Amino acid sequence: MSEAHRAQGLRIAVPRGALFEGTLDLLERLGIDTLQVRENDRKLLFEESGIITMRPSDVPTYVEAGAADLGITGKDVLMEQAEREVYELADLGYGRCLMVVASEAGEDPASDALRRLGVVRIATKYPRIASQHFLSTGRQAEIVEVKGSVELAPLTGLVDAIVDLTATGTTLRENNLVIREEISVCTARLIANPVADKLKADAIDALVTRIAN
């Protein structure tokens, strides 16, 4: 197998979804053949090119377990799954989003709730990130974890505000929500299995060097 098809025997976990195209473009620039991956929406494992495709939130699981040597996922996933034993090797720069606190336009319902009750109700798909953010800023928050459209929660009175990831802010604006705080900038990150990082150090180091250049 030539290096033009596979990264020196490395298996790479690739995220489907928003980071998918940017990740395949990066791998192409590194000389890894992604044609089969681009042409097949349903196949998940591409042994010839060393690529496994999956949900972004599953990437750290596969990398930690050694089912993949390397993986690419968003910083938001790594922050939410901080317990995963993986090495973060590089900020890849693409897929930029903001993790934010947002609430309905007008007088901030979250600030009002804190003044009146001393606690704010927050809906989010990122309970760890939300809890740590409010804890670090000395505010008490009741976290309500939701799986669907988090923007709905403040509109129905379920919560005072949300913590969510936004790329353009369009969905927030369309639902009359405004950004109140920016928690962090999230971009695509390259992660490695700790054992693979030692046993396959030469191949991984060479890949990281090529990414940096």
N, C-alpha and C. Protein backbone atom coordinates (compact mmCIF):
# COMPACT_ATOMS: atom_id res chain seq x y z
N MET A 1 0.85 -1.20 0.00
CA MET A 1 0.00 0.00 0.00
C MET A 1 0.88 1.24 0.00
N SER A 2 0.71 2.10 -0.97
CA SER A 2 1.54 3.29 -1.06
C SER A 2 1.05 4.35 -0.09
N GLU A 3 1.97 5.27 0.25
CA GLU A 3 1.62 6.35 1.16
C GLU A 3 0.54 7.24 0.56
N ALA A 4 0.45 7.23 -0.76
CA ALA A 4 -0.56 8.04 -1.42
C ALA A 4 -1.97 7.54 -1.16
N HIS A 5 -2.09 6.31 -0.65
CA HIS A 5 -3.42 5.76 -0.35
C HIS A 5 -3.68 5.66 1.15
N ARG A 6 -2.64 5.49 1.93
CA ARG A 6 -2.81 5.29 3.36
C ARG A 6 -1.66 5.95 4.11
N ALA A 7 -1.95 6.53 5.28
CA ALA A 7 -0.93 7.26 6.03
C ALA A 7 -0.05 6.31 6.83
N GLN A 8 0.85 5.64 6.13
CA GLN A 8 1.87 4.79 6.77
C GLN A 8 1.28 3.83 7.80
N GLY A 9 0.21 3.14 7.42
CA GLY A 9 -0.36 2.13 8.30
C GLY A 9 -1.23 2.65 9.42
N LEU A 10 -1.52 3.93 9.45
CA LEU A 10 -2.35 4.50 10.51
C LEU A 10 -3.83 4.37 10.17
N ARG A 11 -4.63 4.13 11.20
CA ARG A 11 -6.09 4.13 11.04
C ARG A 11 -6.63 5.42 11.64
N ILE A 12 -7.45 6.13 10.87
CA ILE A 12 -7.91 7.46 11.26
C ILE A 12 -9.43 7.49 11.37
N ALA A 13 -9.94 7.96 12.50
CA ALA A 13 -11.38 8.14 12.70
C ALA A 13 -11.79 9.50 12.16
N VAL A 14 -12.71 9.50 11.21
CA VAL A 14 -13.13 10.72 10.51
C VAL A 14 -14.58 11.04 10.88
N PRO A 15 -14.87 12.28 11.26
CA PRO A 15 -16.23 12.64 11.68
C PRO A 15 -17.15 12.92 10.50
N ARG A 16 -18.32 12.30 10.50
CA ARG A 16 -19.38 12.68 9.57
C ARG A 16 -19.98 14.00 10.05
N GLY A 17 -20.73 14.66 9.19
CA GLY A 17 -21.38 15.90 9.59
C GLY A 17 -20.63 17.13 9.13
N ALA A 18 -20.66 18.18 9.96
CA ALA A 18 -20.14 19.48 9.56
C ALA A 18 -18.64 19.48 9.25
N LEU A 19 -17.88 18.61 9.92
CA LEU A 19 -16.43 18.57 9.72
C LEU A 19 -16.00 17.62 8.62
N PHE A 20 -16.94 16.91 8.03
CA PHE A 20 -16.62 15.81 7.11
C PHE A 20 -15.83 16.27 5.89
N GLU A 21 -16.36 17.23 5.16
CA GLU A 21 -15.71 17.67 3.92
C GLU A 21 -14.34 18.30 4.21
N GLY A 22 -14.27 19.13 5.23
CA GLY A 22 -12.99 19.75 5.58
C GLY A 22 -11.94 18.72 5.96
N THR A 23 -12.38 17.67 6.64
CA THR A 23 -11.46 16.60 7.05
C THR A 23 -10.97 15.81 5.84
N LEU A 24 -11.87 15.48 4.92
CA LEU A 24 -11.46 14.77 3.72
C LEU A 24 -10.52 15.63 2.86
N ASP A 25 -10.78 16.92 2.80
CA ASP A 25 -9.89 17.81 2.05
C ASP A 25 -8.49 17.81 2.67
N LEU A 26 -8.42 17.83 3.99
CA LEU A 26 -7.13 17.77 4.69
C LEU A 26 -6.41 16.47 4.37
N LEU A 27 -7.12 15.35 4.47
CA LEU A 27 -6.49 14.06 4.20
C LEU A 27 -6.00 13.97 2.76
N GLU A 28 -6.77 14.54 1.84
CA GLU A 28 -6.34 14.57 0.43
C GLU A 28 -5.02 15.31 0.29
N ARG A 29 -4.91 16.45 0.98
CA ARG A 29 -3.67 17.24 0.90
C ARG A 29 -2.49 16.48 1.48
N LEU A 30 -2.77 15.56 2.40
CA LEU A 30 -1.72 14.74 3.00
C LEU A 30 -1.41 13.52 2.15
N GLY A 31 -2.11 13.36 1.05
CA GLY A 31 -1.83 12.25 0.15
C GLY A 31 -2.63 10.99 0.42
N ILE A 32 -3.67 11.10 1.23
CA ILE A 32 -4.50 9.94 1.55
C ILE A 32 -5.69 9.91 0.61
N ASP A 33 -5.93 8.78 -0.02
CA ASP A 33 -7.01 8.65 -0.99
C ASP A 33 -8.37 8.64 -0.29
N THR A 34 -9.22 9.61 -0.60
CA THR A 34 -10.54 9.70 0.03
C THR A 34 -11.67 9.51 -0.97
N LEU A 35 -11.36 9.10 -2.19
CA LEU A 35 -12.38 9.01 -3.24
C LEU A 35 -13.51 8.07 -2.85
N GLN A 36 -13.17 6.88 -2.35
CA GLN A 36 -14.21 5.92 -1.97
C GLN A 36 -15.07 6.46 -0.83
N VAL A 37 -14.46 7.17 0.08
CA VAL A 37 -15.21 7.73 1.21
C VAL A 37 -16.21 8.76 0.70
N ARG A 38 -15.78 9.60 -0.22
CA ARG A 38 -16.66 10.64 -0.76
C ARG A 38 -17.81 10.04 -1.56
N GLU A 39 -17.57 8.91 -2.21
CA GLU A 39 -18.58 8.33 -3.10
C GLU A 39 -19.54 7.38 -2.40
N ASN A 40 -19.28 7.05 -1.14
CA ASN A 40 -20.12 6.07 -0.44
C ASN A 40 -20.62 6.64 0.87
N ASP A 41 -21.90 7.00 0.92
CA ASP A 41 -22.48 7.63 2.11
C ASP A 41 -22.78 6.63 3.22
N ARG A 42 -22.88 5.34 2.88
CA ARG A 42 -23.34 4.36 3.86
C ARG A 42 -22.23 3.48 4.42
N LYS A 43 -21.20 3.27 3.64
CA LYS A 43 -20.08 2.47 4.13
C LYS A 43 -19.34 3.24 5.22
N LEU A 44 -18.89 2.53 6.25
CA LEU A 44 -18.27 3.19 7.40
C LEU A 44 -16.78 2.92 7.52
N LEU A 45 -16.34 1.75 7.08
CA LEU A 45 -14.94 1.35 7.25
C LEU A 45 -14.29 1.20 5.89
N PHE A 46 -13.19 1.91 5.69
CA PHE A 46 -12.45 1.90 4.42
C PHE A 46 -11.02 1.45 4.71
N GLU A 47 -10.83 0.13 4.71
CA GLU A 47 -9.55 -0.45 5.10
C GLU A 47 -8.40 0.00 4.20
N GLU A 48 -8.68 0.13 2.91
CA GLU A 48 -7.61 0.44 1.97
C GLU A 48 -6.97 1.80 2.26
N SER A 49 -7.79 2.75 2.65
CA SER A 49 -7.26 4.08 2.95
C SER A 49 -7.03 4.31 4.43
N GLY A 50 -7.43 3.34 5.27
CA GLY A 50 -7.23 3.47 6.72
C GLY A 50 -8.19 4.44 7.38
N ILE A 51 -9.38 4.61 6.81
CA ILE A 51 -10.35 5.58 7.32
C ILE A 51 -11.57 4.87 7.89
N ILE A 52 -11.99 5.31 9.08
CA ILE A 52 -13.28 4.90 9.66
C ILE A 52 -14.12 6.17 9.80
N THR A 53 -15.39 6.12 9.40
CA THR A 53 -16.25 7.30 9.54
C THR A 53 -17.30 7.05 10.62
N MET A 54 -17.63 8.11 11.36
CA MET A 54 -18.55 7.99 12.50
C MET A 54 -19.04 9.37 12.94
N ARG A 55 -19.94 9.37 13.89
CA ARG A 55 -20.39 10.63 14.49
C ARG A 55 -19.22 11.30 15.19
N PRO A 56 -19.13 12.63 15.16
CA PRO A 56 -18.02 13.31 15.84
C PRO A 56 -17.88 12.96 17.31
N SER A 57 -19.02 12.76 17.98
CA SER A 57 -18.98 12.46 19.41
C SER A 57 -18.43 11.07 19.71
N ASP A 58 -18.39 10.19 18.70
CA ASP A 58 -17.85 8.85 18.90
C ASP A 58 -16.35 8.76 18.65
N VAL A 59 -15.77 9.77 18.02
CA VAL A 59 -14.35 9.72 17.68
C VAL A 59 -13.45 9.50 18.90
N PRO A 60 -13.62 10.24 20.00
CA PRO A 60 -12.74 10.00 21.16
C PRO A 60 -12.89 8.59 21.73
N THR A 61 -14.07 8.00 21.65
CA THR A 61 -14.29 6.64 22.14
C THR A 61 -13.44 5.64 21.37
N TYR A 62 -13.47 5.74 20.06
CA TYR A 62 -12.71 4.82 19.21
C TYR A 62 -11.20 5.03 19.36
N VAL A 63 -10.79 6.29 19.47
CA VAL A 63 -9.37 6.58 19.61
C VAL A 63 -8.86 6.13 20.98
N GLU A 64 -9.61 6.41 22.02
CA GLU A 64 -9.20 5.99 23.37
C GLU A 64 -9.05 4.47 23.44
N ALA A 65 -9.95 3.73 22.81
CA ALA A 65 -9.94 2.27 22.88
C ALA A 65 -8.90 1.64 21.95
N GLY A 66 -8.30 2.45 21.08
CA GLY A 66 -7.31 1.92 20.16
C GLY A 66 -7.89 1.35 18.88
N ALA A 67 -9.19 1.51 18.67
CA ALA A 67 -9.80 1.06 17.42
C ALA A 67 -9.37 1.96 16.26
N ALA A 68 -8.91 3.16 16.60
CA ALA A 68 -8.30 4.07 15.63
C ALA A 68 -7.05 4.65 16.28
N ASP A 69 -6.00 4.84 15.48
CA ASP A 69 -4.77 5.43 16.00
C ASP A 69 -4.91 6.94 16.18
N LEU A 70 -5.58 7.55 15.22
CA LEU A 70 -5.79 8.99 15.21
C LEU A 70 -7.26 9.27 14.98
N GLY A 71 -7.68 10.48 15.33
CA GLY A 71 -9.05 10.89 15.05
C GLY A 71 -9.12 12.38 14.89
N ILE A 72 -10.17 12.84 14.23
CA ILE A 72 -10.42 14.26 14.08
C ILE A 72 -11.83 14.54 14.57
N THR A 73 -11.95 15.51 15.46
CA THR A 73 -13.25 15.89 16.00
C THR A 73 -13.18 17.32 16.47
N GLY A 74 -14.34 17.87 16.86
CA GLY A 74 -14.38 19.26 17.30
C GLY A 74 -13.89 19.43 18.72
N LYS A 75 -13.38 20.62 19.01
CA LYS A 75 -12.94 20.93 20.37
C LYS A 75 -14.10 20.83 21.35
N ASP A 76 -15.32 21.12 20.90
CA ASP A 76 -16.48 21.00 21.77
C ASP A 76 -16.66 19.58 22.28
N VAL A 77 -16.42 18.59 21.41
CA VAL A 77 -16.52 17.18 21.80
C VAL A 77 -15.47 16.85 22.85
N LEU A 78 -14.25 17.33 22.65
CA LEU A 78 -13.17 17.04 23.60
C LEU A 78 -13.41 17.71 24.94
N MET A 79 -13.97 18.91 24.92
CA MET A 79 -14.29 19.59 26.18
C MET A 79 -15.37 18.85 26.94
N GLU A 80 -16.38 18.37 26.22
CA GLU A 80 -17.49 17.67 26.86
C GLU A 80 -17.08 16.29 27.35
N GLN A 81 -16.10 15.67 26.66
CA GLN A 81 -15.62 14.34 27.03
C GLN A 81 -14.19 14.42 27.59
N ALA A 82 -14.00 15.33 28.51
CA ALA A 82 -12.66 15.59 29.04
C ALA A 82 -12.05 14.38 29.75
N GLU A 83 -12.88 13.42 30.10
CA GLU A 83 -12.37 12.23 30.80
C GLU A 83 -11.69 11.24 29.86
N ARG A 84 -11.84 11.43 28.57
CA ARG A 84 -11.24 10.50 27.60
C ARG A 84 -9.72 10.60 27.63
N GLU A 85 -9.06 9.45 27.64
CA GLU A 85 -7.60 9.41 27.65
C GLU A 85 -7.08 9.40 26.22
N VAL A 86 -7.01 10.59 25.64
CA VAL A 86 -6.48 10.78 24.30
C VAL A 86 -5.53 11.97 24.33
N TYR A 87 -4.62 12.01 23.38
CA TYR A 87 -3.71 13.15 23.24
C TYR A 87 -4.24 14.09 22.16
N GLU A 88 -4.32 15.38 22.48
CA GLU A 88 -4.67 16.37 21.48
C GLU A 88 -3.38 16.86 20.83
N LEU A 89 -3.23 16.59 19.54
CA LEU A 89 -1.96 16.84 18.86
C LEU A 89 -1.92 18.16 18.10
N ALA A 90 -3.05 18.57 17.53
CA ALA A 90 -3.00 19.77 16.69
C ALA A 90 -4.37 20.41 16.57
N ASP A 91 -4.36 21.75 16.52
CA ASP A 91 -5.55 22.52 16.15
C ASP A 91 -5.52 22.64 14.64
N LEU A 92 -6.51 22.06 13.98
CA LEU A 92 -6.52 22.01 12.52
C LEU A 92 -7.10 23.27 11.88
N GLY A 93 -7.75 24.09 12.68
CA GLY A 93 -8.13 25.42 12.21
C GLY A 93 -9.46 25.55 11.51
N TYR A 94 -9.98 24.47 10.92
CA TYR A 94 -11.23 24.59 10.19
C TYR A 94 -12.42 24.19 11.08
N GLY A 95 -13.63 24.41 10.56
CA GLY A 95 -14.82 24.09 11.34
C GLY A 95 -15.03 25.02 12.52
N ARG A 96 -14.63 26.27 12.38
CA ARG A 96 -14.68 27.20 13.52
C ARG A 96 -16.12 27.49 13.95
N CYS A 97 -16.38 27.32 15.24
CA CYS A 97 -17.66 27.64 15.85
C CYS A 97 -17.41 28.29 17.20
N LEU A 98 -18.44 28.89 17.75
CA LEU A 98 -18.36 29.46 19.09
C LEU A 98 -19.30 28.71 20.03
N MET A 99 -18.81 28.37 21.22
CA MET A 99 -19.67 27.88 22.29
C MET A 99 -20.14 29.10 23.05
N VAL A 100 -21.47 29.28 23.13
CA VAL A 100 -22.00 30.53 23.67
C VAL A 100 -23.11 30.28 24.69
N VAL A 101 -23.36 31.32 25.48
CA VAL A 101 -24.57 31.41 26.28
C VAL A 101 -25.50 32.36 25.52
N ALA A 102 -26.73 31.94 25.27
CA ALA A 102 -27.69 32.78 24.54
C ALA A 102 -29.04 32.75 25.23
N SER A 103 -29.78 33.83 25.07
CA SER A 103 -31.13 33.91 25.65
C SER A 103 -31.98 34.80 24.76
N GLU A 104 -33.25 34.93 25.11
CA GLU A 104 -34.16 35.74 24.29
C GLU A 104 -33.71 37.20 24.25
N ALA A 105 -33.94 37.83 23.11
CA ALA A 105 -33.58 39.23 22.94
C ALA A 105 -34.35 40.10 23.93
N GLY A 106 -33.79 41.26 24.23
CA GLY A 106 -34.38 42.15 25.20
C GLY A 106 -33.64 42.04 26.52
N GLU A 107 -34.32 42.33 27.61
CA GLU A 107 -33.69 42.20 28.92
C GLU A 107 -33.31 40.74 29.14
N ASP A 108 -32.10 40.50 29.61
CA ASP A 108 -31.57 39.14 29.73
C ASP A 108 -32.33 38.35 30.80
N PRO A 109 -33.09 37.31 30.41
CA PRO A 109 -33.83 36.51 31.40
C PRO A 109 -32.91 35.80 32.38
N ALA A 110 -31.72 35.42 31.95
CA ALA A 110 -30.80 34.72 32.83
C ALA A 110 -30.30 35.63 33.95
N SER A 111 -29.95 36.85 33.59
CA SER A 111 -29.50 37.80 34.62
C SER A 111 -30.62 38.12 35.59
N ASP A 112 -31.82 38.25 35.07
CA ASP A 112 -32.98 38.52 35.93
C ASP A 112 -33.21 37.36 36.89
N ALA A 113 -33.09 36.12 36.39
CA ALA A 113 -33.29 34.95 37.24
C ALA A 113 -32.23 34.88 38.34
N LEU A 114 -31.00 35.23 38.00
CA LEU A 114 -29.94 35.22 39.00
C LEU A 114 -30.20 36.27 40.08
N ARG A 115 -30.68 37.44 39.69
CA ARG A 115 -30.98 38.49 40.68
C ARG A 115 -32.12 38.07 41.60
N ARG A 116 -33.16 37.48 41.04
CA ARG A 116 -34.35 37.16 41.82
C ARG A 116 -34.21 35.86 42.61
N LEU A 117 -33.64 34.83 41.97
CA LEU A 117 -33.65 33.49 42.55
C LEU A 117 -32.27 32.99 42.97
N GLY A 118 -31.24 33.62 42.44
CA GLY A 118 -29.88 33.17 42.75
C GLY A 118 -29.45 31.96 41.95
N VAL A 119 -30.28 31.53 41.02
CA VAL A 119 -29.95 30.37 40.18
C VAL A 119 -30.56 30.59 38.80
N VAL A 120 -29.88 30.10 37.78
CA VAL A 120 -30.36 30.22 36.41
C VAL A 120 -30.54 28.83 35.82
N ARG A 121 -31.60 28.65 35.03
CA ARG A 121 -31.86 27.36 34.37
C ARG A 121 -31.30 27.43 32.95
N ILE A 122 -30.48 26.44 32.61
CA ILE A 122 -29.78 26.42 31.32
C ILE A 122 -30.08 25.12 30.59
N ALA A 123 -30.51 25.22 29.34
CA ALA A 123 -30.70 24.04 28.50
C ALA A 123 -29.48 23.88 27.60
N THR A 124 -29.03 22.65 27.39
CA THR A 124 -27.84 22.43 26.58
C THR A 124 -27.68 20.98 26.19
N LYS A 125 -26.93 20.75 25.12
CA LYS A 125 -26.46 19.42 24.75
C LYS A 125 -25.08 19.16 25.33
N TYR A 126 -24.55 20.16 26.04
CA TYR A 126 -23.20 20.10 26.58
C TYR A 126 -23.22 20.35 28.08
N PRO A 127 -23.75 19.41 28.88
CA PRO A 127 -23.92 19.66 30.31
C PRO A 127 -22.60 19.89 31.05
N ARG A 128 -21.53 19.19 30.68
CA ARG A 128 -20.25 19.40 31.36
C ARG A 128 -19.72 20.81 31.09
N ILE A 129 -19.73 21.20 29.84
CA ILE A 129 -19.22 22.54 29.49
C ILE A 129 -20.04 23.61 30.17
N ALA A 130 -21.36 23.48 30.14
CA ALA A 130 -22.22 24.49 30.76
C ALA A 130 -22.00 24.56 32.27
N SER A 131 -21.94 23.41 32.92
CA SER A 131 -21.75 23.38 34.38
C SER A 131 -20.43 24.03 34.76
N GLN A 132 -19.36 23.68 34.05
CA GLN A 132 -18.04 24.21 34.38
C GLN A 132 -17.97 25.72 34.12
N HIS A 133 -18.63 26.17 33.06
CA HIS A 133 -18.60 27.61 32.76
C HIS A 133 -19.26 28.41 33.87
N PHE A 134 -20.45 28.00 34.29
CA PHE A 134 -21.14 28.77 35.33
C PHE A 134 -20.46 28.62 36.68
N LEU A 135 -19.92 27.45 36.95
CA LEU A 135 -19.18 27.25 38.20
C LEU A 135 -17.95 28.14 38.24
N SER A 136 -17.24 28.23 37.12
CA SER A 136 -16.00 29.01 37.08
C SER A 136 -16.25 30.50 37.21
N THR A 137 -17.49 30.92 36.91
CA THR A 137 -17.82 32.34 37.02
C THR A 137 -18.65 32.64 38.26
N GLY A 138 -18.72 31.67 39.17
CA GLY A 138 -19.34 31.89 40.47
C GLY A 138 -20.85 32.01 40.45
N ARG A 139 -21.50 31.41 39.45
CA ARG A 139 -22.95 31.47 39.37
C ARG A 139 -23.54 30.07 39.50
N GLN A 140 -24.69 30.00 40.14
CA GLN A 140 -25.36 28.72 40.31
C GLN A 140 -26.28 28.48 39.13
N ALA A 141 -26.14 27.30 38.51
CA ALA A 141 -26.96 26.98 37.34
C ALA A 141 -27.58 25.60 37.48
N GLU A 142 -28.84 25.51 37.12
CA GLU A 142 -29.51 24.21 37.01
C GLU A 142 -29.47 23.82 35.53
N ILE A 143 -28.81 22.71 35.24
CA ILE A 143 -28.60 22.30 33.85
C ILE A 143 -29.69 21.33 33.42
N VAL A 144 -30.33 21.65 32.31
CA VAL A 144 -31.35 20.79 31.71
C VAL A 144 -30.78 20.26 30.40
N GLU A 145 -30.49 18.96 30.34
CA GLU A 145 -29.91 18.39 29.13
C GLU A 145 -31.01 18.08 28.12
N VAL A 146 -30.83 18.56 26.90
CA VAL A 146 -31.79 18.30 25.83
C VAL A 146 -31.05 17.66 24.65
N LYS A 147 -31.78 16.92 23.84
CA LYS A 147 -31.17 16.22 22.71
C LYS A 147 -31.54 16.85 21.37
N GLY A 148 -32.68 17.52 21.32
CA GLY A 148 -33.14 18.09 20.06
C GLY A 148 -32.75 19.54 19.89
N SER A 149 -33.65 20.34 19.34
CA SER A 149 -33.38 21.76 19.08
C SER A 149 -33.38 22.53 20.39
N VAL A 150 -32.20 22.87 20.85
CA VAL A 150 -32.05 23.52 22.15
C VAL A 150 -32.67 24.92 22.14
N GLU A 151 -32.77 25.54 20.94
CA GLU A 151 -33.32 26.89 20.85
C GLU A 151 -34.77 26.96 21.33
N LEU A 152 -35.47 25.83 21.29
CA LEU A 152 -36.87 25.81 21.69
C LEU A 152 -37.05 26.03 23.19
N ALA A 153 -36.07 25.61 23.96
CA ALA A 153 -36.22 25.59 25.42
C ALA A 153 -36.52 26.97 26.03
N PRO A 154 -35.79 28.02 25.70
CA PRO A 154 -36.13 29.32 26.30
C PRO A 154 -37.41 29.93 25.73
N LEU A 155 -37.75 29.58 24.50
CA LEU A 155 -38.96 30.13 23.88
C LEU A 155 -40.23 29.62 24.54
N THR A 156 -40.16 28.44 25.13
CA THR A 156 -41.33 27.85 25.79
C THR A 156 -41.32 28.06 27.30
N GLY A 157 -40.32 28.76 27.81
CA GLY A 157 -40.24 29.01 29.24
C GLY A 157 -39.62 27.88 30.04
N LEU A 158 -39.09 26.88 29.36
CA LEU A 158 -38.45 25.77 30.08
C LEU A 158 -37.22 26.23 30.83
N VAL A 159 -36.45 27.13 30.22
CA VAL A 159 -35.20 27.61 30.82
C VAL A 159 -35.06 29.10 30.59
N ASP A 160 -34.04 29.66 31.25
CA ASP A 160 -33.75 31.09 31.09
C ASP A 160 -32.80 31.36 29.93
N ALA A 161 -31.93 30.39 29.64
CA ALA A 161 -30.93 30.58 28.60
C ALA A 161 -30.43 29.22 28.13
N ILE A 162 -29.60 29.24 27.08
CA ILE A 162 -29.02 28.01 26.57
C ILE A 162 -27.51 28.15 26.46
N VAL A 163 -26.83 27.01 26.46
CA VAL A 163 -25.42 26.94 26.08
C VAL A 163 -25.37 26.05 24.85
N ASP A 164 -24.84 26.60 23.75
CA ASP A 164 -24.85 25.83 22.49
C ASP A 164 -23.71 26.27 21.60
N LEU A 165 -23.51 25.49 20.56
CA LEU A 165 -22.47 25.76 19.58
C LEU A 165 -23.11 26.46 18.38
N THR A 166 -22.49 27.53 17.90
CA THR A 166 -23.01 28.23 16.74
C THR A 166 -21.89 28.58 15.79
N ALA A 167 -22.18 28.44 14.50
CA ALA A 167 -21.18 28.79 13.49
C ALA A 167 -21.41 30.20 12.97
N THR A 168 -22.66 30.53 12.65
CA THR A 168 -22.97 31.84 12.06
C THR A 168 -23.92 32.67 12.92
N GLY A 169 -24.60 32.04 13.87
CA GLY A 169 -25.59 32.74 14.68
C GLY A 169 -26.95 32.85 14.01
N THR A 170 -27.09 32.31 12.81
CA THR A 170 -28.34 32.45 12.06
C THR A 170 -29.52 31.79 12.77
N THR A 171 -29.32 30.56 13.24
CA THR A 171 -30.41 29.85 13.92
C THR A 171 -30.83 30.58 15.19
N LEU A 172 -29.87 31.15 15.89
CA LEU A 172 -30.20 31.93 17.09
C LEU A 172 -31.06 33.13 16.71
N ARG A 173 -30.62 33.88 15.71
CA ARG A 173 -31.37 35.07 15.30
C ARG A 173 -32.77 34.73 14.82
N GLU A 174 -32.88 33.63 14.09
CA GLU A 174 -34.20 33.24 13.56
C GLU A 174 -35.16 32.88 14.69
N ASN A 175 -34.63 32.56 15.84
CA ASN A 175 -35.48 32.21 16.99
C ASN A 175 -35.46 33.30 18.07
N ASN A 176 -35.09 34.51 17.65
CA ASN A 176 -35.11 35.68 18.54
C ASN A 176 -34.21 35.50 19.76
N LEU A 177 -33.09 34.81 19.57
CA LEU A 177 -32.11 34.63 20.63
C LEU A 177 -30.87 35.44 20.31
N VAL A 178 -30.22 35.93 21.35
CA VAL A 178 -28.99 36.70 21.18
C VAL A 178 -27.88 36.11 22.04
N ILE A 179 -26.65 36.25 21.58
CA ILE A 179 -25.50 35.76 22.34
C ILE A 179 -25.22 36.71 23.51
N ARG A 180 -25.15 36.15 24.70
CA ARG A 180 -24.84 36.94 25.90
C ARG A 180 -23.39 36.79 26.33
N GLU A 181 -22.84 35.59 26.12
CA GLU A 181 -21.45 35.32 26.52
C GLU A 181 -20.83 34.35 25.52
N GLU A 182 -19.53 34.51 25.28
CA GLU A 182 -18.77 33.56 24.50
C GLU A 182 -17.92 32.71 25.45
N ILE A 183 -18.11 31.41 25.40
CA ILE A 183 -17.39 30.50 26.29
C ILE A 183 -16.05 30.09 25.69
N SER A 184 -16.05 29.67 24.43
CA SER A 184 -14.79 29.25 23.80
C SER A 184 -14.96 29.18 22.30
N VAL A 185 -13.83 29.25 21.61
CA VAL A 185 -13.78 29.01 20.17
C VAL A 185 -13.50 27.53 19.97
N CYS A 186 -14.26 26.88 19.11
CA CYS A 186 -14.10 25.45 18.86
C CYS A 186 -13.76 25.21 17.38
N THR A 187 -12.67 24.49 17.15
CA THR A 187 -12.25 24.13 15.80
C THR A 187 -11.97 22.63 15.77
N ALA A 188 -11.69 22.12 14.58
CA ALA A 188 -11.35 20.70 14.45
C ALA A 188 -9.99 20.43 15.08
N ARG A 189 -9.87 19.31 15.79
CA ARG A 189 -8.62 18.94 16.45
C ARG A 189 -8.21 17.53 16.06
N LEU A 190 -6.90 17.31 15.96
CA LEU A 190 -6.34 15.98 15.71
C LEU A 190 -5.98 15.36 17.05
N ILE A 191 -6.50 14.15 17.31
CA ILE A 191 -6.21 13.46 18.57
C ILE A 191 -5.58 12.10 18.28
N ALA A 192 -4.89 11.56 19.28
CA ALA A 192 -4.19 10.28 19.11
C ALA A 192 -4.43 9.38 20.29
N ASN A 193 -4.41 8.09 20.03
CA ASN A 193 -4.40 7.09 21.09
C ASN A 193 -3.03 7.12 21.76
N PRO A 194 -2.96 7.18 23.10
CA PRO A 194 -1.66 7.31 23.78
C PRO A 194 -0.68 6.19 23.45
N VAL A 195 -1.17 4.95 23.33
CA VAL A 195 -0.28 3.84 23.01
C VAL A 195 0.23 3.97 21.57
N ALA A 196 -0.68 4.25 20.65
CA ALA A 196 -0.28 4.43 19.25
C ALA A 196 0.70 5.58 19.10
N ASP A 197 0.53 6.61 19.92
CA ASP A 197 1.42 7.76 19.84
C ASP A 197 2.86 7.38 20.16
N LYS A 198 3.02 6.31 20.95
CA LYS A 198 4.37 5.82 21.27
C LYS A 198 4.83 4.77 20.26
N LEU A 199 3.98 3.79 19.98
CA LEU A 199 4.38 2.69 19.10
C LEU A 199 4.50 3.11 17.64
N LYS A 200 3.72 4.09 17.24
CA LYS A 200 3.75 4.56 15.86
C LYS A 200 4.19 6.02 15.80
N ALA A 201 5.11 6.37 16.67
CA ALA A 201 5.52 7.77 16.83
C ALA A 201 6.06 8.36 15.53
N ASP A 202 6.86 7.61 14.80
CA ASP A 202 7.46 8.15 13.58
C ASP A 202 6.39 8.51 12.56
N ALA A 203 5.44 7.61 12.35
CA ALA A 203 4.39 7.87 11.37
C ALA A 203 3.49 9.02 11.81
N ILE A 204 3.15 9.05 13.09
CA ILE A 204 2.28 10.12 13.59
C ILE A 204 3.00 11.47 13.57
N ASP A 205 4.26 11.49 14.00
CA ASP A 205 5.03 12.73 13.98
C ASP A 205 5.17 13.27 12.56
N ALA A 206 5.38 12.35 11.61
CA ALA A 206 5.52 12.77 10.21
C ALA A 206 4.22 13.39 9.71
N LEU A 207 3.08 12.80 10.10
CA LEU A 207 1.78 13.33 9.69
C LEU A 207 1.54 14.71 10.28
N VAL A 208 1.84 14.86 11.58
CA VAL A 208 1.64 16.15 12.24
C VAL A 208 2.54 17.22 11.63
N THR A 209 3.76 16.85 11.28
CA THR A 209 4.68 17.80 10.65
C THR A 209 4.13 18.26 9.30
N ARG A 210 3.59 17.32 8.54
CA ARG A 210 3.03 17.67 7.23
C ARG A 210 1.80 18.57 7.37
N ILE A 211 1.01 18.33 8.41
CA ILE A 211 -0.15 19.18 8.67
C ILE A 211 0.30 20.61 8.98
N ALA A 212 1.33 20.71 9.80
CA ALA A 212 1.84 22.03 10.22
C ALA A 212 2.42 22.81 9.05
N ASN A 213 2.91 22.07 8.06
CA ASN A 213 3.53 22.74 6.91
C ASN A 213 2.51 23.02 5.81
